[in-house]
C-alpha atoms as a PDB file:
ATOM      1  CA  MET A   1      12.382   2.015   7.868  1.00  0.00           C
ATOM      2  CA  ILE A   2      11.904  -1.680   7.138  1.00  0.00           C
ATOM      3  CA  ILE A   3       9.026  -2.772   4.863  1.00  0.00           C
ATOM      4  CA  THR A   4       7.710  -6.351   4.979  1.00  0.00           C
ATOM      5  CA  TYR A   5       4.991  -7.858   2.735  1.00  0.00           C
ATOM      6  CA  PHE A   6       2.497 -10.539   3.780  1.00  0.00           C
ATOM      7  CA  GLY A   7       0.401 -10.933   0.606  1.00  0.00           C
ATOM      8  CA  LYS A   8      -2.577  -9.101  -0.988  1.00  0.00           C
ATOM      9  CA  GLU A   9      -2.113  -5.542   0.323  1.00  0.00           C
ATOM     10  CA  PHE A  10      -0.853  -6.446   3.795  1.00  0.00           C
ATOM     11  CA  PHE A  11       2.360  -4.599   4.655  1.00  0.00           C
ATOM     12  CA  LYS A  12       4.283  -3.782   7.810  1.00  0.00           C
ATOM     13  CA  ILE A  13       6.492  -0.722   8.082  1.00  0.00           C
ATOM     14  CA  GLN A  14       8.787  -0.591  11.097  1.00  0.00           C
ATOM     15  CA  GLN A  15      10.576   2.609  12.080  1.00  0.00           C
ATOM     16  CA  GLY A  16      12.511   2.240  15.295  1.00  0.00           C
ATOM     17  CA  ASP A  17      10.069   0.729  17.809  1.00  0.00           C
ATOM     18  CA  MET A  18       6.988   1.962  15.921  1.00  0.00           C
ATOM     19  CA  VAL A  19       5.034  -0.458  13.730  1.00  0.00           C
ATOM     20  CA  VAL A  20       2.555   0.684  11.063  1.00  0.00           C
ATOM     21  CA  ALA A  21       0.425  -1.908   9.250  1.00  0.00           C
ATOM     22  CA  PHE A  22      -1.629  -1.598   6.052  1.00  0.00           C
ATOM     23  CA  ASN A  23      -4.660  -3.674   5.011  1.00  0.00           C
ATOM     24  CA  PRO A  24      -4.223  -6.781   7.185  1.00  0.00           C
ATOM     25  CA  ILE A  25      -5.796  -9.929   5.730  1.00  0.00           C
ATOM     26  CA  SER A  26      -8.628 -11.129   7.972  1.00  0.00           C
ATOM     27  CA  LYS A  27      -9.129 -14.728   9.106  1.00  0.00           C
ATOM     28  CA  GLU A  28     -12.333 -14.833   7.019  1.00  0.00           C
ATOM     29  CA  SER A  29     -10.420 -14.133   3.804  1.00  0.00           C
ATOM     30  CA  LYS A  30      -9.591 -16.909   1.369  1.00  0.00           C
ATOM     31  CA  ALA A  31      -6.479 -14.997   0.282  1.00  0.00           C
ATOM     32  CA  SER A  32      -3.170 -16.676   0.893  1.00  0.00           C
ATOM     33  CA  GLY A  33      -0.595 -14.976   3.050  1.00  0.00           C
ATOM     34  CA  GLY A  34      -1.117 -13.040   6.236  1.00  0.00           C
ATOM     35  CA  GLY A  35       0.771 -12.596   9.460  1.00  0.00           C
ATOM     36  CA  LYS A  36       0.058 -11.740  13.073  1.00  0.00           C
ATOM     37  CA  PHE A  37       2.017  -9.147  15.029  1.00  0.00           C
ATOM     38  CA  GLY A  38       1.509  -6.142  17.259  1.00  0.00           C
ATOM     39  CA  ALA A  39       1.076  -2.798  15.486  1.00  0.00           C
ATOM     40  CA  ASP A  40       0.873   0.760  16.817  1.00  0.00           C
ATOM     41  CA  ILE A  41      -1.021   2.146  13.832  1.00  0.00           C
ATOM     42  CA  ALA A  42      -3.274   0.171  11.470  1.00  0.00           C
ATOM     43  CA  LEU A  43      -4.558   1.623   8.219  1.00  0.00           C
ATOM     44  CA  VAL A  44      -7.487  -0.079   6.478  1.00  0.00           C
ATOM     45  CA  THR A  45      -8.440   1.268   3.056  1.00  0.00           C
ATOM     46  CA  THR A  46     -11.480  -0.911   2.351  1.00  0.00           C
ATOM     47  CA  ASN A  47     -13.972  -2.672   4.641  1.00  0.00           C
ATOM     48  CA  HIS A  48     -13.551  -6.055   2.920  1.00  0.00           C
ATOM     49  CA  LYS A  49     -12.289  -9.315   4.445  1.00  0.00           C
ATOM     50  CA  ASP A  50      -9.142  -9.262   2.297  1.00  0.00           C
ATOM     51  CA  TYR A  51      -8.086  -5.948   3.834  1.00  0.00           C
ATOM     52  CA  ASN A  52      -9.780  -5.383   7.221  1.00  0.00           C
ATOM     53  CA  GLY A  53      -8.257  -7.975   9.552  1.00  0.00           C
ATOM     54  CA  LEU A  54      -7.516  -5.669  12.473  1.00  0.00           C
ATOM     55  CA  GLY A  55      -7.606  -8.643  14.840  1.00  0.00           C
ATOM     56  CA  GLN A  56      -4.303  -9.785  13.332  1.00  0.00           C
ATOM     57  CA  LEU A  57      -2.532  -6.693  14.706  1.00  0.00           C
ATOM     58  CA  SER A  58      -2.975  -7.073  18.460  1.00  0.00           C
ATOM     59  CA  HIS A  59      -0.174  -8.752  20.356  1.00  0.00           C
ATOM     60  CA  GLY A  60       0.433  -8.642  24.107  1.00  0.00           C
ATOM     61  CA  GLU A  61      -0.251  -5.092  25.261  1.00  0.00           C
ATOM     62  CA  ARG A  62       0.067  -3.697  21.747  1.00  0.00           C
ATOM     63  CA  GLU A  63      -3.317  -2.571  20.388  1.00  0.00           C
ATOM     64  CA  PRO A  64      -3.244  -0.554  17.179  1.00  0.00           C
ATOM     65  CA  PHE A  65      -4.794   2.829  16.634  1.00  0.00           C
ATOM     66  CA  ALA A  66      -7.071   1.992  13.720  1.00  0.00           C
ATOM     67  CA  VAL A  67      -7.578   4.387  10.814  1.00  0.00           C
ATOM     68  CA  THR A  68     -10.388   3.087   8.610  1.00  0.00           C
ATOM     69  CA  GLY A  69     -11.538   5.960   6.397  1.00  0.00           C
ATOM     70  CA  PRO A  70     -11.033   9.449   5.001  1.00  0.00           C
ATOM     71  CA  GLY A  71      -9.903  12.273   7.289  1.00  0.00           C
ATOM     72  CA  ASP A  72      -6.851  13.790   8.961  1.00  0.00           C
ATOM     73  CA  TYR A  73      -5.126  11.903  11.762  1.00  0.00           C
ATOM     74  CA  GLU A  74      -2.004  12.319  13.873  1.00  0.00           C
ATOM     75  CA  VAL A  75      -0.706   9.333  15.806  1.00  0.00           C
ATOM     76  CA  ARG A  76       2.705   9.093  17.460  1.00  0.00           C
ATOM     77  CA  GLU A  77       3.832  12.184  15.549  1.00  0.00           C
ATOM     78  CA  VAL A  78       2.853  10.584  12.241  1.00  0.00           C
ATOM     79  CA  PHE A  79       0.460  12.748  10.207  1.00  0.00           C
ATOM     80  CA  ILE A  80      -1.930  10.702   8.073  1.00  0.00           C
ATOM     81  CA  LYS A  81      -4.324  11.997   5.455  1.00  0.00           C
ATOM     82  CA  GLY A  82      -7.081   9.704   4.174  1.00  0.00           C
ATOM     83  CA  LEU A  83      -8.679  10.572   0.829  1.00  0.00           C
ATOM     84  CA  MET A  84     -11.845   9.044  -0.574  1.00  0.00           C
ATOM     85  CA  SER A  85     -11.818   6.969  -3.771  1.00  0.00           C
ATOM     86  CA  ASP A  86     -13.583   3.912  -5.229  1.00  0.00           C
ATOM     87  CA  ALA A  87     -13.235   0.170  -4.864  1.00  0.00           C
ATOM     88  CA  GLU A  88     -15.337  -2.500  -6.547  1.00  0.00           C
ATOM     89  CA  LEU A  89     -14.816  -6.024  -5.264  1.00  0.00           C
ATOM     90  CA  ASP A  90     -16.936  -9.115  -5.972  1.00  0.00           C
ATOM     91  CA  SER A  91     -19.201  -6.822  -8.070  1.00  0.00           C
ATOM     92  CA  LYS A  92     -19.958  -4.715  -4.981  1.00  0.00           C
ATOM     93  CA  LYS A  93     -18.983  -1.090  -4.546  1.00  0.00           C
ATOM     94  CA  TYR A  94     -16.936  -0.002  -1.528  1.00  0.00           C
ATOM     95  CA  VAL A  95     -15.386   3.192  -0.273  1.00  0.00           C
ATOM     96  CA  ASN A  96     -11.621   3.005  -0.726  1.00  0.00           C
ATOM     97  CA  THR A  97      -9.341   5.322   1.211  1.00  0.00           C
ATOM     98  CA  ILE A  98      -6.045   6.440  -0.292  1.00  0.00           C
ATOM     99  CA  TYR A  99      -3.571   7.200   2.504  1.00  0.00           C
ATOM    100  CA  PHE A 100      -0.808   9.795   2.423  1.00  0.00           C
ATOM    101  CA  LEU A 101       1.658   9.797   5.328  1.00  0.00           C
ATOM    102  CA  LYS A 102       5.217  10.669   6.152  1.00  0.00           C
ATOM    103  CA  ILE A 103       7.563   8.362   8.092  1.00  0.00           C
ATOM    104  CA  ASP A 104      11.186   9.260   8.740  1.00  0.00           C
ATOM    105  CA  GLY A 105      11.000  12.086   6.203  1.00  0.00           C
ATOM    106  CA  ILE A 106       9.702   9.773   3.460  1.00  0.00           C
ATOM    107  CA  ASN A 107       6.366  10.585   1.785  1.00  0.00           C
ATOM    108  CA  ILE A 108       4.292   7.437   1.344  1.00  0.00           C
ATOM    109  CA  VAL A 109       1.148   7.001  -0.762  1.00  0.00           C
ATOM    110  CA  PHE A 110      -0.854   3.787  -0.317  1.00  0.00           C
ATOM    111  CA  LEU A 111      -3.589   3.442  -2.943  1.00  0.00           C
ATOM    112  CA  GLY A 112      -5.363   0.455  -1.370  1.00  0.00           C
ATOM    113  CA  ALA A 113      -7.970  -1.523  -3.324  1.00  0.00           C
ATOM    114  CA  LEU A 114      -8.364   1.222  -5.906  1.00  0.00           C
ATOM    115  CA  SER A 115     -10.586   0.292  -8.854  1.00  0.00           C
ATOM    116  CA  ASN A 116     -10.939   3.633 -10.636  1.00  0.00           C
ATOM    117  CA  PRO A 117      -7.760   5.362 -11.875  1.00  0.00           C
ATOM    118  CA  GLU A 118      -9.684   8.630 -12.455  1.00  0.00           C
ATOM    119  CA  ILE A 119      -8.532  10.324  -9.252  1.00  0.00           C
ATOM    120  CA  SER A 120      -9.938  13.769  -8.487  1.00  0.00           C
ATOM    121  CA  LYS A 121      -7.766  16.830  -8.983  1.00  0.00           C
ATOM    122  CA  GLU A 122      -7.850  17.525  -5.229  1.00  0.00           C
ATOM    123  CA  VAL A 123      -6.624  14.029  -4.349  1.00  0.00           C
ATOM    124  CA  ARG A 124      -3.974  14.099  -7.067  1.00  0.00           C
ATOM    125  CA  GLU A 125      -2.569  17.371  -5.679  1.00  0.00           C
ATOM    126  CA  VAL A 126      -2.032  15.708  -2.313  1.00  0.00           C
ATOM    127  CA  ILE A 127      -0.515  12.459  -3.536  1.00  0.00           C
ATOM    128  CA  ASN A 128       1.483  13.668  -6.545  1.00  0.00           C
ATOM    129  CA  GLU A 129       5.225  12.959  -6.661  1.00  0.00           C
ATOM    130  CA  PRO A 130       5.400  10.672  -3.609  1.00  0.00           C
ATOM    131  CA  ASP A 131       8.646   9.093  -2.519  1.00  0.00           C
ATOM    132  CA  VAL A 132       7.076   5.619  -2.267  1.00  0.00           C
ATOM    133  CA  LEU A 133       3.900   4.511  -4.047  1.00  0.00           C
ATOM    134  CA  PHE A 134       2.108   1.273  -3.122  1.00  0.00           C
ATOM    135  CA  ILE A 135      -0.138   0.353  -6.064  1.00  0.00           C
ATOM    136  CA  PRO A 136      -2.439  -2.642  -6.795  1.00  0.00           C
ATOM    137  CA  VAL A 137      -1.752  -4.296 -10.153  1.00  0.00           C
ATOM    138  CA  GLY A 138      -3.678  -7.582 -10.245  1.00  0.00           C
ATOM    139  CA  GLY A 139      -7.092  -6.699 -11.675  1.00  0.00           C
ATOM    140  CA  ASN A 140     -10.150  -8.627 -10.377  1.00  0.00           C
ATOM    141  CA  GLY A 141     -11.682  -5.434  -9.022  1.00  0.00           C
ATOM    142  CA  VAL A 142      -8.500  -3.497  -8.317  1.00  0.00           C
ATOM    143  CA  LEU A 143      -6.477  -1.752 -11.014  1.00  0.00           C
ATOM    144  CA  ASP A 144      -5.018  -4.081 -13.636  1.00  0.00           C
ATOM    145  CA  ALA A 145      -1.382  -4.074 -14.743  1.00  0.00           C
ATOM    146  CA  LYS A 146      -1.756  -1.769 -17.723  1.00  0.00           C
ATOM    147  CA  VAL A 147      -3.901   0.839 -15.962  1.00  0.00           C
ATOM    148  CA  SER A 148      -1.785   0.800 -12.807  1.00  0.00           C
ATOM    149  CA  ALA A 149       1.422   1.264 -14.786  1.00  0.00           C
ATOM    150  CA  LYS A 150      -0.057   4.316 -16.499  1.00  0.00           C
ATOM    151  CA  LEU A 151      -1.278   5.773 -13.191  1.00  0.00           C
ATOM    152  CA  ALA A 152       2.038   5.058 -11.439  1.00  0.00           C
ATOM    153  CA  SER A 153       3.962   6.865 -14.151  1.00  0.00           C
ATOM    154  CA  SER A 154       1.614   9.874 -14.016  1.00  0.00           C
ATOM    155  CA  LEU A 155       2.085  10.305 -10.269  1.00  0.00           C
ATOM    156  CA  GLU A 156       5.896  10.512 -10.698  1.00  0.00           C
ATOM    157  CA  PRO A 157       6.958   8.558  -7.602  1.00  0.00           C
ATOM    158  CA  LYS A 158      10.562   7.816  -6.808  1.00  0.00           C
ATOM    159  CA  LEU A 159       9.820   4.215  -5.882  1.00  0.00           C
ATOM    160  CA  VAL A 160       6.922   1.935  -6.878  1.00  0.00           C
ATOM    161  CA  ILE A 161       5.909  -1.131  -4.848  1.00  0.00           C
ATOM    162  CA  PRO A 162       3.321  -3.350  -6.600  1.00  0.00           C
ATOM    163  CA  MET A 163       0.779  -5.299  -4.521  1.00  0.00           C
ATOM    164  CA  ASP A 164      -2.305  -7.474  -4.870  1.00  0.00           C
ATOM    165  CA  TYR A 165      -0.838  -9.489  -7.733  1.00  0.00           C
ATOM    166  CA  ASP A 166      -0.198 -13.027  -8.916  1.00  0.00           C
ATOM    167  CA  LYS A 167       2.775 -14.201 -10.951  1.00  0.00           C
ATOM    168  CA  ASP A 168       1.239 -13.337 -14.349  1.00  0.00           C
ATOM    169  CA  THR A 169      -0.158  -9.910 -13.454  1.00  0.00           C
ATOM    170  CA  LEU A 170       3.127  -8.939 -11.803  1.00  0.00           C
ATOM    171  CA  LYS A 171       5.018  -9.950 -14.951  1.00  0.00           C
ATOM    172  CA  HIS A 172       2.622  -7.861 -17.069  1.00  0.00           C
ATOM    173  CA  PHE A 173       2.996  -4.843 -14.770  1.00  0.00           C
ATOM    174  CA  LEU A 174       6.785  -5.018 -14.846  1.00  0.00           C
ATOM    175  CA  LYS A 175       6.715  -5.180 -18.644  1.00  0.00           C
ATOM    176  CA  GLU A 176       4.385  -2.145 -18.820  1.00  0.00           C
ATOM    177  CA  MET A 177       6.762  -0.237 -16.519  1.00  0.00           C
ATOM    178  CA  GLY A 178       9.831  -1.310 -18.531  1.00  0.00           C
ATOM    179  CA  ALA A 179      11.102  -2.905 -15.333  1.00  0.00           C
ATOM    180  CA  GLU A 180      11.446  -6.598 -16.206  1.00  0.00           C
ATOM    181  CA  ASN A 181      14.706  -6.644 -14.237  1.00  0.00           C
ATOM    182  CA  ALA A 182      13.215  -5.023 -11.152  1.00  0.00           C
ATOM    183  CA  GLU A 183      14.912  -5.807  -7.843  1.00  0.00           C
ATOM    184  CA  VAL A 184      13.138  -8.552  -5.838  1.00  0.00           C
ATOM    185  CA  VAL A 185      13.663  -8.533  -2.060  1.00  0.00           C
ATOM    186  CA  ASP A 186      12.269 -10.292   1.017  1.00  0.00           C
ATOM    187  CA  LYS A 187      12.366  -7.087   3.056  1.00  0.00           C
ATOM    188  CA  LEU A 188      13.129  -3.533   2.036  1.00  0.00           C
ATOM    189  CA  THR A 189      15.275  -1.323   4.243  1.00  0.00           C
ATOM    190  CA  LEU A 190      14.864   2.271   3.155  1.00  0.00           C
ATOM    191  CA  LYS A 191      16.422   5.556   4.179  1.00  0.00           C
ATOM    192  CA  ARG A 192      15.675   8.998   2.749  1.00  0.00           C
ATOM    193  CA  LYS A 193      19.048   9.177   0.957  1.00  0.00           C
ATOM    194  CA  ASP A 194      18.319   5.868  -0.826  1.00  0.00           C
ATOM    195  CA  LEU A 195      15.690   7.693  -2.900  1.00  0.00           C
ATOM    196  CA  ASP A 196      18.101  10.192  -4.426  1.00  0.00           C
ATOM    197  CA  GLY A 197      18.039  10.037  -8.235  1.00  0.00           C
ATOM    198  CA  LYS A 198      15.250   7.462  -8.447  1.00  0.00           C
ATOM    199  CA  GLU A 199      12.390   7.917 -10.928  1.00  0.00           C
ATOM    200  CA  ALA A 200       9.567   5.365 -10.756  1.00  0.00           C
ATOM    201  CA  ASP A 201      11.994   2.568  -9.855  1.00  0.00           C
ATOM    202  CA  VAL A 202      10.069  -0.649  -9.176  1.00  0.00           C
ATOM    203  CA  ILE A 203      10.943  -2.919  -6.252  1.00  0.00           C
ATOM    204  CA  VAL A 204       9.083  -6.208  -5.777  1.00  0.00           C
ATOM    205  CA  LEU A 205       8.614  -7.468  -2.242  1.00  0.00           C
ATOM    206  CA  GLN A 206       8.119 -11.204  -1.841  1.00  0.00           C
ATOM    207  CA  SER A 207       5.448 -12.118   0.694  1.00  0.00           C
ATOM    208  CA  GLU A 208       6.471 -13.768   3.947  1.00  0.00           C
END
């Protein structure tokens, strides 16, 4: 799979000819970054303009199957489980959906705009020990660097991908994780065997 980052929590995962997108930035958002491309599956964790830009994911005849909340889904042989959690953005409470899915034999957990690290026992049982963990680290409503580092370590992922950060909060998160020399890439190409022997290794994706 190939993982590309477009800012905030907007990611594209491409596996063969299938494209999965997470939390596209809408045109109404003031957040920098963003891209426009055709996706087959779109996952939105939080109904907020920084994360719900589904209109950015239609291109030509490609219209995404949109997953926008908790539940069990199966699309193009990809099983997706959405689990309810909390977000608080601009002093307003939102439902945040944590997504668990498997692509090419790799277990992925995408925490979205999570604001409360106190995850229920039931949710933790589903998402514990993922291969790849996408975690917000920037504060301002989502988890801050210190809290996210503690949560990331407790979930025991093989690979950690920080998101929703600026330069300072990223630096703080890397320090908390003991990963000041983390690898920084424009795109991440990942195969199942690449995860062998990894324990909470941090990789930073630069936004397009």
